[in-house]
């Protein structure tokens, strides 16, 4: 009997990881972020997400997932940060080609309550969490930006065409910059909404109580509300679903920052540790 194809192996894993219809929660990690990955898995499970799939960029991350009993797939990568964005988008394109909707979460986006019903309940092709001011040209037009650190893409022709348009730009910029700039180039406009400003680094970032929606050509886009998906802190909103704070890139300093702002849940980590 011949070995199953690469696509067949991945497709079986995606099928096991489905959380709603064809939605699959996807995270990416390597050895440099093992503690953050462990923390994300524990906190996401506590929030109700017990079936993510981790795309491991090296064998150390794979071994962690094996120890945790978490669905995973090894997609080795040893390049630089810019190369990683291309690697990640290529994996997302593979998932879309197989007919699944990847719900991508950075492992520093802390799930406090299960966001899947809210995100998957939006009907648009591409659904993004709110960002802040990068890239600046997008912020200047929309008052906010689309954050690729928590997003859902559906396997529609419009999304596939859009990713084909974004792909060449990933040689010189990260995925968030490329996505926002390509949508600007295409002429994305959001529907009118009641907006309120939040100050960030000398600028006002415009937020909405509800999801902002827009279309460009055949592509429909949603921008989730910051009050539920907090890139910028809103202390007056007591029950966010996800908090994705602006934080340092290095794992140790990121964890220290999370401890300072009360987002490092040592108790959950201890409960989940092997006995």
C-alpha atoms as a PDB file:
ATOM      1  CA  UNK A   1       0.000   0.000   0.000  1.00  0.00           C
ATOM      2  CA  UNK A   2       1.370   3.403  -0.944  1.00  0.00           C
ATOM      3  CA  UNK A   3       1.970   6.121   1.634  1.00  0.00           C
ATOM      4  CA  UNK A   4      -0.787   8.748   1.900  1.00  0.00           C
ATOM      5  CA  UNK A   5      -0.049  11.978   0.088  1.00  0.00           C
ATOM      6  CA  UNK A   6       1.071  15.081   1.971  1.00  0.00           C
ATOM      7  CA  UNK A   7      -2.282  16.757   1.273  1.00  0.00           C
ATOM      8  CA  UNK A   8      -4.199  13.699   2.468  1.00  0.00           C
ATOM      9  CA  UNK A   9      -2.302  13.646   5.777  1.00  0.00           C
ATOM     10  CA  UNK A  10      -2.871  17.362   6.330  1.00  0.00           C
ATOM     11  CA  UNK A  11      -6.521  17.095   5.333  1.00  0.00           C
ATOM     12  CA  UNK A  12      -7.152  14.358   7.905  1.00  0.00           C
ATOM     13  CA  UNK A  13      -5.610  16.513  10.599  1.00  0.00           C
ATOM     14  CA  UNK A  14      -7.677  19.536   9.550  1.00  0.00           C
ATOM     15  CA  UNK A  15     -10.816  17.430   9.605  1.00  0.00           C
ATOM     16  CA  UNK A  16     -10.083  16.294  13.161  1.00  0.00           C
ATOM     17  CA  UNK A  17      -9.420  19.903  14.196  1.00  0.00           C
ATOM     18  CA  UNK A  18     -12.637  21.382  12.786  1.00  0.00           C
ATOM     19  CA  UNK A  19     -14.464  23.390  15.444  1.00  0.00           C
ATOM     20  CA  UNK A  20     -17.416  24.685  13.449  1.00  0.00           C
ATOM     21  CA  UNK A  21     -18.382  23.795   9.889  1.00  0.00           C
ATOM     22  CA  UNK A  22     -15.050  24.010   8.066  1.00  0.00           C
ATOM     23  CA  UNK A  23     -13.366  26.427  10.522  1.00  0.00           C
ATOM     24  CA  UNK A  24     -10.008  25.310  11.914  1.00  0.00           C
ATOM     25  CA  UNK A  25      -8.156  27.219  14.653  1.00  0.00           C
ATOM     26  CA  UNK A  26      -4.518  27.531  13.548  1.00  0.00           C
ATOM     27  CA  UNK A  27      -1.444  28.698  15.450  1.00  0.00           C
ATOM     28  CA  UNK A  28       2.230  28.773  14.487  1.00  0.00           C
ATOM     29  CA  UNK A  29       5.240  28.302  16.746  1.00  0.00           C
ATOM     30  CA  UNK A  30       8.902  27.375  16.928  1.00  0.00           C
ATOM     31  CA  UNK A  31      11.473  26.709  19.656  1.00  0.00           C
ATOM     32  CA  UNK A  32      11.874  30.415  20.408  1.00  0.00           C
ATOM     33  CA  UNK A  33       8.287  30.658  21.651  1.00  0.00           C
ATOM     34  CA  UNK A  34       7.773  27.325  23.424  1.00  0.00           C
ATOM     35  CA  UNK A  35       6.652  28.860  26.717  1.00  0.00           C
ATOM     36  CA  UNK A  36       4.226  31.192  24.931  1.00  0.00           C
ATOM     37  CA  UNK A  37       2.851  28.251  22.968  1.00  0.00           C
ATOM     38  CA  UNK A  38       2.321  26.239  26.138  1.00  0.00           C
ATOM     39  CA  UNK A  39       0.586  29.228  27.750  1.00  0.00           C
ATOM     40  CA  UNK A  40      -1.624  29.799  24.700  1.00  0.00           C
ATOM     41  CA  UNK A  41      -2.685  26.145  24.561  1.00  0.00           C
ATOM     42  CA  UNK A  42      -3.607  26.151  28.246  1.00  0.00           C
ATOM     43  CA  UNK A  43      -5.477  29.462  28.229  1.00  0.00           C
ATOM     44  CA  UNK A  44      -7.274  28.727  24.956  1.00  0.00           C
ATOM     45  CA  UNK A  45      -8.398  25.345  26.297  1.00  0.00           C
ATOM     46  CA  UNK A  46      -9.675  27.071  29.431  1.00  0.00           C
ATOM     47  CA  UNK A  47     -11.632  29.448  27.176  1.00  0.00           C
ATOM     48  CA  UNK A  48     -13.180  26.495  25.344  1.00  0.00           C
ATOM     49  CA  UNK A  49     -10.815  25.875  22.418  1.00  0.00           C
ATOM     50  CA  UNK A  50      -9.661  22.279  22.808  1.00  0.00           C
ATOM     51  CA  UNK A  51      -9.062  21.406  19.147  1.00  0.00           C
ATOM     52  CA  UNK A  52      -6.515  23.786  17.642  1.00  0.00           C
ATOM     53  CA  UNK A  53      -3.921  22.643  15.149  1.00  0.00           C
ATOM     54  CA  UNK A  54      -0.394  23.877  15.709  1.00  0.00           C
ATOM     55  CA  UNK A  55       1.847  24.361  12.696  1.00  0.00           C
ATOM     56  CA  UNK A  56       5.272  23.582  14.074  1.00  0.00           C
ATOM     57  CA  UNK A  57       8.226  25.274  12.431  1.00  0.00           C
ATOM     58  CA  UNK A  58      10.772  22.957  14.045  1.00  0.00           C
ATOM     59  CA  UNK A  59      10.987  19.655  15.892  1.00  0.00           C
ATOM     60  CA  UNK A  60      11.148  21.256  19.341  1.00  0.00           C
ATOM     61  CA  UNK A  61       7.677  22.747  18.838  1.00  0.00           C
ATOM     62  CA  UNK A  62       6.482  19.395  17.464  1.00  0.00           C
ATOM     63  CA  UNK A  63       7.758  17.592  20.566  1.00  0.00           C
ATOM     64  CA  UNK A  64       5.926  20.046  22.832  1.00  0.00           C
ATOM     65  CA  UNK A  65       2.681  19.387  20.943  1.00  0.00           C
ATOM     66  CA  UNK A  66       3.208  15.640  21.153  1.00  0.00           C
ATOM     67  CA  UNK A  67       3.686  15.895  24.917  1.00  0.00           C
ATOM     68  CA  UNK A  68       0.540  18.038  25.202  1.00  0.00           C
ATOM     69  CA  UNK A  69      -1.507  15.705  22.996  1.00  0.00           C
ATOM     70  CA  UNK A  70      -2.372  18.540  20.600  1.00  0.00           C
ATOM     71  CA  UNK A  71      -3.034  18.174  16.866  1.00  0.00           C
ATOM     72  CA  UNK A  72      -0.040  19.466  14.978  1.00  0.00           C
ATOM     73  CA  UNK A  73       1.717  19.426  11.628  1.00  0.00           C
ATOM     74  CA  UNK A  74       5.399  19.980  10.988  1.00  0.00           C
ATOM     75  CA  UNK A  75       6.167  22.633   8.372  1.00  0.00           C
ATOM     76  CA  UNK A  76       9.897  23.257   8.962  1.00  0.00           C
ATOM     77  CA  UNK A  77      11.187  26.785   8.575  1.00  0.00           C
ATOM     78  CA  UNK A  78      14.606  28.262   9.343  1.00  0.00           C
ATOM     79  CA  UNK A  79      14.550  31.616   7.535  1.00  0.00           C
ATOM     80  CA  UNK A  80      14.250  35.194   8.730  1.00  0.00           C
ATOM     81  CA  UNK A  81      11.152  37.002   9.998  1.00  0.00           C
ATOM     82  CA  UNK A  82      10.208  38.263   6.536  1.00  0.00           C
ATOM     83  CA  UNK A  83      10.475  34.757   5.153  1.00  0.00           C
ATOM     84  CA  UNK A  84       8.206  33.511   7.941  1.00  0.00           C
ATOM     85  CA  UNK A  85       5.316  35.651   6.727  1.00  0.00           C
ATOM     86  CA  UNK A  86       5.580  34.087   3.279  1.00  0.00           C
ATOM     87  CA  UNK A  87       5.810  30.649   4.867  1.00  0.00           C
ATOM     88  CA  UNK A  88       2.697  31.273   6.949  1.00  0.00           C
ATOM     89  CA  UNK A  89       0.670  32.633   4.040  1.00  0.00           C
ATOM     90  CA  UNK A  90       1.717  29.653   1.909  1.00  0.00           C
ATOM     91  CA  UNK A  91       0.402  27.308   4.613  1.00  0.00           C
ATOM     92  CA  UNK A  92      -2.837  29.264   4.863  1.00  0.00           C
ATOM     93  CA  UNK A  93      -3.244  29.048   1.104  1.00  0.00           C
ATOM     94  CA  UNK A  94      -2.791  25.260   1.318  1.00  0.00           C
ATOM     95  CA  UNK A  95      -5.504  25.074   3.992  1.00  0.00           C
ATOM     96  CA  UNK A  96      -7.855  27.185   1.877  1.00  0.00           C
ATOM     97  CA  UNK A  97      -7.161  25.051  -1.196  1.00  0.00           C
ATOM     98  CA  UNK A  98      -8.289  22.020   0.822  1.00  0.00           C
ATOM     99  CA  UNK A  99     -11.615  23.751   1.508  1.00  0.00           C
ATOM    100  CA  UNK A 100     -11.090  24.796   5.141  1.00  0.00           C
ATOM    101  CA  UNK A 101     -11.390  28.214   6.775  1.00  0.00           C
ATOM    102  CA  UNK A 102      -8.293  28.957   8.876  1.00  0.00           C
ATOM    103  CA  UNK A 103      -8.932  31.021  11.984  1.00  0.00           C
ATOM    104  CA  UNK A 104      -5.416  32.230  12.694  1.00  0.00           C
ATOM    105  CA  UNK A 105      -4.346  33.292  16.161  1.00  0.00           C
ATOM    106  CA  UNK A 106      -0.960  34.575  17.217  1.00  0.00           C
ATOM    107  CA  UNK A 107       0.144  32.814  20.390  1.00  0.00           C
ATOM    108  CA  UNK A 108       0.356  36.159  22.192  1.00  0.00           C
ATOM    109  CA  UNK A 109      -3.347  36.779  21.525  1.00  0.00           C
ATOM    110  CA  UNK A 110      -4.813  35.604  24.828  1.00  0.00           C
ATOM    111  CA  UNK A 111      -8.212  33.912  24.599  1.00  0.00           C
ATOM    112  CA  UNK A 112     -10.290  34.747  27.690  1.00  0.00           C
ATOM    113  CA  UNK A 113     -13.577  33.453  26.281  1.00  0.00           C
ATOM    114  CA  UNK A 114     -14.240  31.400  23.173  1.00  0.00           C
ATOM    115  CA  UNK A 115     -14.242  33.839  20.214  1.00  0.00           C
ATOM    116  CA  UNK A 116     -15.074  31.244  17.566  1.00  0.00           C
ATOM    117  CA  UNK A 117     -18.885  31.681  17.601  1.00  0.00           C
ATOM    118  CA  UNK A 118     -18.559  35.466  17.251  1.00  0.00           C
ATOM    119  CA  UNK A 119     -15.905  35.387  14.535  1.00  0.00           C
ATOM    120  CA  UNK A 120     -17.359  32.488  12.550  1.00  0.00           C
ATOM    121  CA  UNK A 121     -20.796  34.061  12.867  1.00  0.00           C
ATOM    122  CA  UNK A 122     -19.679  36.947  10.662  1.00  0.00           C
ATOM    123  CA  UNK A 123     -20.635  36.203   7.038  1.00  0.00           C
ATOM    124  CA  UNK A 124     -17.786  38.015   5.289  1.00  0.00           C
ATOM    125  CA  UNK A 125     -15.013  36.376   3.263  1.00  0.00           C
ATOM    126  CA  UNK A 126     -12.183  37.815   5.362  1.00  0.00           C
ATOM    127  CA  UNK A 127     -12.541  38.805   9.017  1.00  0.00           C
ATOM    128  CA  UNK A 128      -9.807  40.650  10.894  1.00  0.00           C
ATOM    129  CA  UNK A 129      -9.246  41.823  14.439  1.00  0.00           C
ATOM    130  CA  UNK A 130      -8.494  45.524  14.916  1.00  0.00           C
ATOM    131  CA  UNK A 131      -4.957  46.848  14.917  1.00  0.00           C
ATOM    132  CA  UNK A 132      -3.617  50.307  15.640  1.00  0.00           C
ATOM    133  CA  UNK A 133      -1.658  52.546  13.244  1.00  0.00           C
ATOM    134  CA  UNK A 134       0.479  50.246  11.059  1.00  0.00           C
ATOM    135  CA  UNK A 135       0.641  50.603   8.149  1.00  0.00           C
ATOM    136  CA  UNK A 136       0.163  54.351   8.475  1.00  0.00           C
ATOM    137  CA  UNK A 137      -1.442  54.819   5.073  1.00  0.00           C
ATOM    138  CA  UNK A 138      -4.239  52.423   6.012  1.00  0.00           C
ATOM    139  CA  UNK A 139      -4.779  54.138   9.353  1.00  0.00           C
ATOM    140  CA  UNK A 140      -4.986  57.509   7.633  1.00  0.00           C
ATOM    141  CA  UNK A 141      -7.849  56.264   5.412  1.00  0.00           C
ATOM    142  CA  UNK A 142      -9.824  53.963   7.720  1.00  0.00           C
ATOM    143  CA  UNK A 143      -8.850  55.300  11.160  1.00  0.00           C
ATOM    144  CA  UNK A 144      -7.714  51.784  12.067  1.00  0.00           C
ATOM    145  CA  UNK A 145      -5.942  48.859  10.406  1.00  0.00           C
ATOM    146  CA  UNK A 146      -6.655  45.179   9.887  1.00  0.00           C
ATOM    147  CA  UNK A 147      -4.608  42.962  12.197  1.00  0.00           C
ATOM    148  CA  UNK A 148      -3.471  39.618  10.791  1.00  0.00           C
ATOM    149  CA  UNK A 149      -2.672  38.303  14.288  1.00  0.00           C
ATOM    150  CA  UNK A 150      -6.265  37.123  14.710  1.00  0.00           C
ATOM    151  CA  UNK A 151      -8.224  36.608  11.523  1.00  0.00           C
ATOM    152  CA  UNK A 152     -10.494  34.214   9.649  1.00  0.00           C
ATOM    153  CA  UNK A 153     -10.255  33.540   5.925  1.00  0.00           C
ATOM    154  CA  UNK A 154     -12.874  31.624   3.985  1.00  0.00           C
ATOM    155  CA  UNK A 155     -12.056  29.495   0.908  1.00  0.00           C
ATOM    156  CA  UNK A 156     -13.931  31.687  -1.544  1.00  0.00           C
ATOM    157  CA  UNK A 157     -12.688  32.646  -5.015  1.00  0.00           C
ATOM    158  CA  UNK A 158     -12.434  36.253  -3.836  1.00  0.00           C
ATOM    159  CA  UNK A 159     -10.099  35.332  -0.964  1.00  0.00           C
ATOM    160  CA  UNK A 160      -7.929  33.115  -3.157  1.00  0.00           C
ATOM    161  CA  UNK A 161      -7.608  35.866  -5.762  1.00  0.00           C
ATOM    162  CA  UNK A 162      -6.766  38.386  -3.048  1.00  0.00           C
ATOM    163  CA  UNK A 163      -4.000  36.192  -1.603  1.00  0.00           C
ATOM    164  CA  UNK A 164      -2.556  35.802  -5.083  1.00  0.00           C
ATOM    165  CA  UNK A 165      -2.416  39.599  -5.273  1.00  0.00           C
ATOM    166  CA  UNK A 166      -0.807  39.887  -1.824  1.00  0.00           C
ATOM    167  CA  UNK A 167       1.809  37.176  -2.400  1.00  0.00           C
ATOM    168  CA  UNK A 168       4.379  39.181  -4.439  1.00  0.00           C
ATOM    169  CA  UNK A 169       4.438  41.944  -1.818  1.00  0.00           C
ATOM    170  CA  UNK A 170       5.508  39.512   0.924  1.00  0.00           C
ATOM    171  CA  UNK A 171       9.066  39.625  -0.398  1.00  0.00           C
ATOM    172  CA  UNK A 172       9.486  43.093   1.080  1.00  0.00           C
ATOM    173  CA  UNK A 173       6.880  43.442   3.869  1.00  0.00           C
ATOM    174  CA  UNK A 174       5.021  41.434   6.473  1.00  0.00           C
ATOM    175  CA  UNK A 175       1.567  39.994   5.940  1.00  0.00           C
ATOM    176  CA  UNK A 176      -0.282  42.723   7.824  1.00  0.00           C
ATOM    177  CA  UNK A 177       1.348  45.487   5.798  1.00  0.00           C
ATOM    178  CA  UNK A 178       0.803  43.639   2.526  1.00  0.00           C
ATOM    179  CA  UNK A 179      -2.859  42.855   3.280  1.00  0.00           C
ATOM    180  CA  UNK A 180      -3.740  46.396   4.308  1.00  0.00           C
ATOM    181  CA  UNK A 181      -1.874  48.024   1.440  1.00  0.00           C
ATOM    182  CA  UNK A 182      -3.399  45.713  -1.149  1.00  0.00           C
ATOM    183  CA  UNK A 183      -6.904  46.433   0.168  1.00  0.00           C
ATOM    184  CA  UNK A 184      -6.097  50.141  -0.041  1.00  0.00           C
ATOM    185  CA  UNK A 185      -4.904  49.701  -3.620  1.00  0.00           C
ATOM    186  CA  UNK A 186      -8.118  47.864  -4.496  1.00  0.00           C
ATOM    187  CA  UNK A 187     -10.196  50.627  -2.902  1.00  0.00           C
ATOM    188  CA  UNK A 188     -11.748  48.999   0.169  1.00  0.00           C
ATOM    189  CA  UNK A 189     -14.310  51.252   1.823  1.00  0.00           C
ATOM    190  CA  UNK A 190     -16.094  50.525   5.078  1.00  0.00           C
ATOM    191  CA  UNK A 191     -19.772  51.166   5.609  1.00  0.00           C
ATOM    192  CA  UNK A 192     -20.592  54.216   7.762  1.00  0.00           C
ATOM    193  CA  UNK A 193     -20.489  53.433  11.484  1.00  0.00           C
ATOM    194  CA  UNK A 194     -20.502  55.196  14.844  1.00  0.00           C
ATOM    195  CA  UNK A 195     -16.830  55.484  15.753  1.00  0.00           C
ATOM    196  CA  UNK A 196     -15.012  56.588  18.880  1.00  0.00           C
ATOM    197  CA  UNK A 197     -11.328  57.509  19.188  1.00  0.00           C
ATOM    198  CA  UNK A 198      -8.708  55.787  21.322  1.00  0.00           C
ATOM    199  CA  UNK A 199      -5.321  57.493  21.685  1.00  0.00           C
ATOM    200  CA  UNK A 200      -2.227  55.496  20.718  1.00  0.00           C
ATOM    201  CA  UNK A 201       1.266  56.938  20.272  1.00  0.00           C
ATOM    202  CA  UNK A 202      -0.009  60.405  19.536  1.00  0.00           C
ATOM    203  CA  UNK A 203      -2.716  59.276  17.098  1.00  0.00           C
ATOM    204  CA  UNK A 204      -6.411  58.532  17.408  1.00  0.00           C
ATOM    205  CA  UNK A 205      -7.404  54.994  16.476  1.00  0.00           C
ATOM    206  CA  UNK A 206     -11.082  54.841  15.559  1.00  0.00           C
ATOM    207  CA  UNK A 207     -13.097  51.999  17.070  1.00  0.00           C
ATOM    208  CA  UNK A 208     -16.680  50.825  16.691  1.00  0.00           C
ATOM    209  CA  UNK A 209     -19.012  49.082  19.115  1.00  0.00           C
ATOM    210  CA  UNK A 210     -19.934  46.533  16.466  1.00  0.00           C
ATOM    211  CA  UNK A 211     -18.179  44.908  13.520  1.00  0.00           C
ATOM    212  CA  UNK A 212     -17.308  47.263  10.668  1.00  0.00           C
ATOM    213  CA  UNK A 213     -17.933  45.835   7.223  1.00  0.00           C
ATOM    214  CA  UNK A 214     -16.808  46.741   3.739  1.00  0.00           C
ATOM    215  CA  UNK A 215     -16.509  45.366   0.242  1.00  0.00           C
ATOM    216  CA  UNK A 216     -14.140  45.741  -2.661  1.00  0.00           C
ATOM    217  CA  UNK A 217     -15.097  43.941  -5.840  1.00  0.00           C
ATOM    218  CA  UNK A 218     -16.274  40.450  -4.887  1.00  0.00           C
ATOM    219  CA  UNK A 219     -14.368  40.461  -1.583  1.00  0.00           C
ATOM    220  CA  UNK A 220     -16.268  41.202   1.626  1.00  0.00           C
ATOM    221  CA  UNK A 221     -14.258  42.243   4.681  1.00  0.00           C
ATOM    222  CA  UNK A 222     -15.047  42.594   8.385  1.00  0.00           C
ATOM    223  CA  UNK A 223     -13.148  44.503  11.080  1.00  0.00           C
ATOM    224  CA  UNK A 224     -14.005  43.177  14.543  1.00  0.00           C
ATOM    225  CA  UNK A 225     -14.695  45.561  17.451  1.00  0.00           C
ATOM    226  CA  UNK A 226     -11.797  46.380  19.736  1.00  0.00           C
ATOM    227  CA  UNK A 227     -14.023  46.160  22.820  1.00  0.00           C
ATOM    228  CA  UNK A 228     -14.230  42.369  22.290  1.00  0.00           C
ATOM    229  CA  UNK A 229     -10.876  41.846  20.541  1.00  0.00           C
ATOM    230  CA  UNK A 230      -8.597  44.226  22.378  1.00  0.00           C
ATOM    231  CA  UNK A 231      -5.444  45.271  20.597  1.00  0.00           C
ATOM    232  CA  UNK A 232      -5.650  48.498  22.590  1.00  0.00           C
ATOM    233  CA  UNK A 233      -6.822  48.208  26.204  1.00  0.00           C
ATOM    234  CA  UNK A 234     -10.384  49.230  27.022  1.00  0.00           C
ATOM    235  CA  UNK A 235     -10.630  48.896  30.820  1.00  0.00           C
ATOM    236  CA  UNK A 236     -14.297  49.891  30.724  1.00  0.00           C
ATOM    237  CA  UNK A 237     -15.156  46.751  28.759  1.00  0.00           C
ATOM    238  CA  UNK A 238     -15.290  43.994  31.370  1.00  0.00           C
ATOM    239  CA  UNK A 239     -15.645  40.915  29.162  1.00  0.00           C
ATOM    240  CA  UNK A 240     -13.388  40.917  26.096  1.00  0.00           C
ATOM    241  CA  UNK A 241     -13.118  37.652  24.202  1.00  0.00           C
ATOM    242  CA  UNK A 242      -9.455  38.074  23.270  1.00  0.00           C
ATOM    243  CA  UNK A 243      -6.731  40.461  24.387  1.00  0.00           C
ATOM    244  CA  UNK A 244      -3.808  40.841  21.989  1.00  0.00           C
ATOM    245  CA  UNK A 245      -1.663  43.507  23.600  1.00  0.00           C
ATOM    246  CA  UNK A 246       1.074  45.394  21.839  1.00  0.00           C
ATOM    247  CA  UNK A 247       4.196  43.818  23.359  1.00  0.00           C
ATOM    248  CA  UNK A 248       7.900  43.108  22.757  1.00  0.00           C
ATOM    249  CA  UNK A 249       8.919  40.433  20.226  1.00  0.00           C
ATOM    250  CA  UNK A 250      11.348  38.435  22.385  1.00  0.00           C
ATOM    251  CA  UNK A 251       9.667  35.710  24.450  1.00  0.00           C
ATOM    252  CA  UNK A 252      11.180  36.560  27.866  1.00  0.00           C
ATOM    253  CA  UNK A 253      10.334  40.258  27.651  1.00  0.00           C
ATOM    254  CA  UNK A 254       6.894  39.493  26.250  1.00  0.00           C
ATOM    255  CA  UNK A 255       6.141  37.170  29.171  1.00  0.00           C
ATOM    256  CA  UNK A 256       7.401  39.809  31.635  1.00  0.00           C
ATOM    257  CA  UNK A 257       5.045  42.335  30.028  1.00  0.00           C
ATOM    258  CA  UNK A 258       2.133  39.895  30.248  1.00  0.00           C
ATOM    259  CA  UNK A 259       2.851  39.417  33.954  1.00  0.00           C
ATOM    260  CA  UNK A 260       2.832  43.184  34.466  1.00  0.00           C
ATOM    261  CA  UNK A 261      -0.601  43.586  32.870  1.00  0.00           C
ATOM    262  CA  UNK A 262      -2.155  40.488  34.440  1.00  0.00           C
ATOM    263  CA  UNK A 263      -2.295  38.294  31.339  1.00  0.00           C
ATOM    264  CA  UNK A 264       0.128  35.559  32.372  1.00  0.00           C
ATOM    265  CA  UNK A 265      -1.930  32.810  33.988  1.00  0.00           C
ATOM    266  CA  UNK A 266       0.557  30.842  36.059  1.00  0.00           C
ATOM    267  CA  UNK A 267      -2.247  29.023  37.877  1.00  0.00           C
ATOM    268  CA  UNK A 268      -3.591  27.540  34.649  1.00  0.00           C
ATOM    269  CA  UNK A 269      -0.078  26.557  33.630  1.00  0.00           C
ATOM    270  CA  UNK A 270       0.430  24.783  36.954  1.00  0.00           C
ATOM    271  CA  UNK A 271      -2.895  22.960  36.696  1.00  0.00           C
ATOM    272  CA  UNK A 272      -1.989  21.701  33.232  1.00  0.00           C
ATOM    273  CA  UNK A 273       1.557  20.601  34.140  1.00  0.00           C
ATOM    274  CA  UNK A 274       2.167  16.829  34.108  1.00  0.00           C
ATOM    275  CA  UNK A 275       1.889  15.230  37.551  1.00  0.00           C
END
